[in-house]
Amino acid sequence: MNTHIDEGAVKIIEIIGISSKSFDDAITQALSKASKSVKGITGFEVLKHMASVKDGKIKQYKVNIKLAFPVV
């Protein structure tokens, strides 16, 4: 995870993004929702990919990610 700052501290939080479209969209959903309340996100790390299946088809894509942002 790229959390480069010149000095100070970085906080890490873990969230799960959910999408009916794709794993990439689940990441986009997570970043979009988190950025509404978390300011200055500098990077993320994908921890796990998951999916919900119904009748042999993927119904929901889920991505567990860690987000990094500087502590101010």
N, C-alpha and C. Protein backbone atom coordinates (compact mmCIF):
# COMPACT_ATOMS: atom_id res chain seq x y z
N MET A 1 0.85 -1.18 0.00
CA MET A 1 0.00 0.00 0.00
C MET A 1 0.89 1.23 0.00
N ASN A 2 0.63 2.13 -0.90
CA ASN A 2 1.42 3.35 -0.97
C ASN A 2 0.78 4.40 -0.06
N THR A 3 1.39 4.63 1.08
CA THR A 3 0.87 5.60 2.04
C THR A 3 1.91 6.69 2.31
N HIS A 4 2.67 7.05 1.29
CA HIS A 4 3.77 8.00 1.45
C HIS A 4 3.26 9.38 1.86
N ILE A 5 3.79 9.87 2.96
CA ILE A 5 3.66 11.27 3.35
C ILE A 5 5.03 11.68 3.85
N ASP A 6 5.32 12.97 3.82
CA ASP A 6 6.64 13.44 4.22
C ASP A 6 6.93 13.20 5.70
N GLU A 7 5.95 13.46 6.53
CA GLU A 7 6.07 13.18 7.97
C GLU A 7 4.70 13.22 8.58
N GLY A 8 4.57 12.70 9.79
CA GLY A 8 3.29 12.67 10.47
C GLY A 8 2.84 11.25 10.71
N ALA A 9 1.57 10.97 10.44
CA ALA A 9 1.01 9.65 10.67
C ALA A 9 -0.08 9.36 9.65
N VAL A 10 -0.28 8.08 9.41
CA VAL A 10 -1.31 7.62 8.48
C VAL A 10 -2.26 6.71 9.23
N LYS A 11 -3.54 6.90 9.03
CA LYS A 11 -4.54 6.02 9.63
C LYS A 11 -5.01 5.04 8.57
N ILE A 12 -5.30 3.80 8.99
CA ILE A 12 -5.78 2.75 8.11
C ILE A 12 -7.15 2.30 8.61
N ILE A 13 -8.13 2.24 7.69
CA ILE A 13 -9.43 1.68 8.03
C ILE A 13 -9.74 0.57 7.04
N GLU A 14 -10.59 -0.34 7.44
CA GLU A 14 -10.96 -1.47 6.59
C GLU A 14 -12.45 -1.39 6.28
N ILE A 15 -12.80 -1.50 4.99
CA ILE A 15 -14.20 -1.45 4.57
C ILE A 15 -14.45 -2.51 3.50
N ILE A 16 -15.73 -2.77 3.22
CA ILE A 16 -16.12 -3.70 2.17
C ILE A 16 -16.97 -2.94 1.16
N GLY A 17 -16.54 -2.97 -0.11
CA GLY A 17 -17.32 -2.40 -1.20
C GLY A 17 -18.17 -3.49 -1.82
N ILE A 18 -19.38 -3.12 -2.24
CA ILE A 18 -20.33 -4.09 -2.80
C ILE A 18 -20.87 -3.57 -4.13
N SER A 19 -20.96 -4.47 -5.11
CA SER A 19 -21.48 -4.11 -6.43
C SER A 19 -22.18 -5.30 -7.06
N SER A 20 -23.16 -5.02 -7.90
CA SER A 20 -23.81 -6.07 -8.68
C SER A 20 -23.14 -6.23 -10.04
N LYS A 21 -22.13 -5.37 -10.35
CA LYS A 21 -21.51 -5.36 -11.67
C LYS A 21 -20.19 -6.12 -11.75
N SER A 22 -19.24 -5.79 -10.85
CA SER A 22 -17.90 -6.38 -10.96
C SER A 22 -17.09 -6.10 -9.69
N PHE A 23 -15.93 -6.79 -9.59
CA PHE A 23 -15.03 -6.51 -8.48
C PHE A 23 -14.48 -5.09 -8.59
N ASP A 24 -14.13 -4.66 -9.80
CA ASP A 24 -13.63 -3.29 -9.99
C ASP A 24 -14.65 -2.27 -9.54
N ASP A 25 -15.92 -2.50 -9.87
CA ASP A 25 -16.96 -1.57 -9.45
C ASP A 25 -17.14 -1.59 -7.94
N ALA A 26 -16.95 -2.73 -7.31
CA ALA A 26 -17.03 -2.81 -5.84
C ALA A 26 -15.95 -1.93 -5.20
N ILE A 27 -14.75 -1.92 -5.79
CA ILE A 27 -13.69 -1.04 -5.30
C ILE A 27 -14.09 0.41 -5.49
N THR A 28 -14.61 0.73 -6.67
CA THR A 28 -15.06 2.10 -6.95
C THR A 28 -16.14 2.53 -5.98
N GLN A 29 -17.08 1.64 -5.69
CA GLN A 29 -18.15 1.94 -4.73
C GLN A 29 -17.57 2.23 -3.35
N ALA A 30 -16.63 1.41 -2.91
CA ALA A 30 -16.01 1.60 -1.60
C ALA A 30 -15.31 2.95 -1.52
N LEU A 31 -14.52 3.27 -2.53
CA LEU A 31 -13.80 4.55 -2.54
C LEU A 31 -14.75 5.73 -2.60
N SER A 32 -15.78 5.62 -3.43
CA SER A 32 -16.74 6.71 -3.58
C SER A 32 -17.48 6.98 -2.27
N LYS A 33 -17.97 5.92 -1.64
CA LYS A 33 -18.71 6.10 -0.38
C LYS A 33 -17.79 6.59 0.73
N ALA A 34 -16.61 6.01 0.86
CA ALA A 34 -15.69 6.40 1.93
C ALA A 34 -15.23 7.84 1.78
N SER A 35 -15.00 8.29 0.54
CA SER A 35 -14.48 9.64 0.33
C SER A 35 -15.48 10.73 0.72
N LYS A 36 -16.74 10.36 0.94
CA LYS A 36 -17.73 11.34 1.39
C LYS A 36 -17.51 11.73 2.85
N SER A 37 -16.93 10.83 3.64
CA SER A 37 -16.69 11.14 5.06
C SER A 37 -15.22 11.08 5.46
N VAL A 38 -14.40 10.43 4.66
CA VAL A 38 -12.96 10.34 4.94
C VAL A 38 -12.23 11.23 3.94
N LYS A 39 -11.53 12.21 4.42
CA LYS A 39 -10.85 13.17 3.54
C LYS A 39 -9.38 12.79 3.35
N GLY A 40 -8.89 12.96 2.14
CA GLY A 40 -7.47 12.79 1.86
C GLY A 40 -7.00 11.36 1.70
N ILE A 41 -7.85 10.47 1.20
CA ILE A 41 -7.44 9.08 1.00
C ILE A 41 -6.24 9.07 0.06
N THR A 42 -5.17 8.38 0.48
CA THR A 42 -3.93 8.36 -0.32
C THR A 42 -3.67 7.03 -0.99
N GLY A 43 -4.38 5.99 -0.60
CA GLY A 43 -4.16 4.69 -1.22
C GLY A 43 -5.05 3.64 -0.62
N PHE A 44 -5.04 2.47 -1.25
CA PHE A 44 -5.80 1.35 -0.73
C PHE A 44 -5.10 0.04 -1.05
N GLU A 45 -5.46 -1.00 -0.30
CA GLU A 45 -4.95 -2.34 -0.52
C GLU A 45 -6.13 -3.31 -0.54
N VAL A 46 -6.22 -4.12 -1.57
CA VAL A 46 -7.28 -5.12 -1.65
C VAL A 46 -6.85 -6.32 -0.80
N LEU A 47 -7.68 -6.66 0.18
CA LEU A 47 -7.40 -7.78 1.06
C LEU A 47 -8.04 -9.08 0.59
N LYS A 48 -9.28 -8.97 0.12
CA LYS A 48 -10.03 -10.17 -0.22
C LYS A 48 -11.12 -9.86 -1.24
N HIS A 49 -11.32 -10.79 -2.17
CA HIS A 49 -12.45 -10.75 -3.10
C HIS A 49 -13.46 -11.80 -2.64
N MET A 50 -14.74 -11.45 -2.64
CA MET A 50 -15.80 -12.38 -2.25
C MET A 50 -16.97 -12.18 -3.20
N ALA A 51 -17.88 -13.12 -3.26
CA ALA A 51 -19.07 -12.97 -4.09
C ALA A 51 -20.22 -13.76 -3.49
N SER A 52 -21.43 -13.26 -3.71
CA SER A 52 -22.64 -13.98 -3.35
C SER A 52 -23.18 -14.63 -4.62
N VAL A 53 -23.58 -15.89 -4.51
CA VAL A 53 -24.05 -16.65 -5.67
C VAL A 53 -25.48 -17.11 -5.44
N LYS A 54 -26.29 -17.01 -6.51
CA LYS A 54 -27.67 -17.51 -6.47
C LYS A 54 -27.96 -18.17 -7.81
N ASP A 55 -28.48 -19.38 -7.77
CA ASP A 55 -28.81 -20.13 -8.98
C ASP A 55 -27.62 -20.24 -9.93
N GLY A 56 -26.44 -20.43 -9.36
CA GLY A 56 -25.24 -20.62 -10.16
C GLY A 56 -24.68 -19.36 -10.81
N LYS A 57 -25.19 -18.19 -10.42
CA LYS A 57 -24.72 -16.92 -10.99
C LYS A 57 -24.32 -15.96 -9.88
N ILE A 58 -23.31 -15.16 -10.16
CA ILE A 58 -22.86 -14.16 -9.19
C ILE A 58 -23.91 -13.05 -9.10
N LYS A 59 -24.37 -12.80 -7.89
CA LYS A 59 -25.37 -11.74 -7.65
C LYS A 59 -24.74 -10.49 -7.07
N GLN A 60 -23.69 -10.65 -6.25
CA GLN A 60 -23.00 -9.51 -5.65
C GLN A 60 -21.51 -9.77 -5.60
N TYR A 61 -20.75 -8.77 -6.01
CA TYR A 61 -19.30 -8.79 -5.88
C TYR A 61 -18.94 -7.98 -4.64
N LYS A 62 -18.03 -8.50 -3.83
CA LYS A 62 -17.63 -7.81 -2.61
C LYS A 62 -16.11 -7.78 -2.54
N VAL A 63 -15.57 -6.63 -2.15
CA VAL A 63 -14.13 -6.47 -2.04
C VAL A 63 -13.82 -5.85 -0.69
N ASN A 64 -13.01 -6.54 0.10
CA ASN A 64 -12.57 -6.05 1.39
C ASN A 64 -11.27 -5.28 1.16
N ILE A 65 -11.26 -3.98 1.48
CA ILE A 65 -10.07 -3.16 1.25
C ILE A 65 -9.68 -2.40 2.51
N LYS A 66 -8.38 -2.05 2.58
CA LYS A 66 -7.87 -1.14 3.59
C LYS A 66 -7.64 0.20 2.90
N LEU A 67 -8.09 1.27 3.52
CA LEU A 67 -7.88 2.63 3.01
C LEU A 67 -6.89 3.35 3.91
N ALA A 68 -6.01 4.12 3.31
CA ALA A 68 -5.03 4.91 4.06
C ALA A 68 -5.28 6.40 3.85
N PHE A 69 -5.13 7.16 4.93
CA PHE A 69 -5.25 8.62 4.83
C PHE A 69 -4.45 9.25 5.97
N PRO A 70 -3.90 10.46 5.73
CA PRO A 70 -3.08 11.09 6.76
C PRO A 70 -3.92 11.56 7.96
N VAL A 71 -3.32 11.45 9.12
CA VAL A 71 -3.95 11.97 10.34
C VAL A 71 -3.58 13.45 10.42
N VAL A 72 -4.61 14.28 10.60
CA VAL A 72 -4.35 15.72 10.67
C VAL A 72 -4.56 16.26 12.06
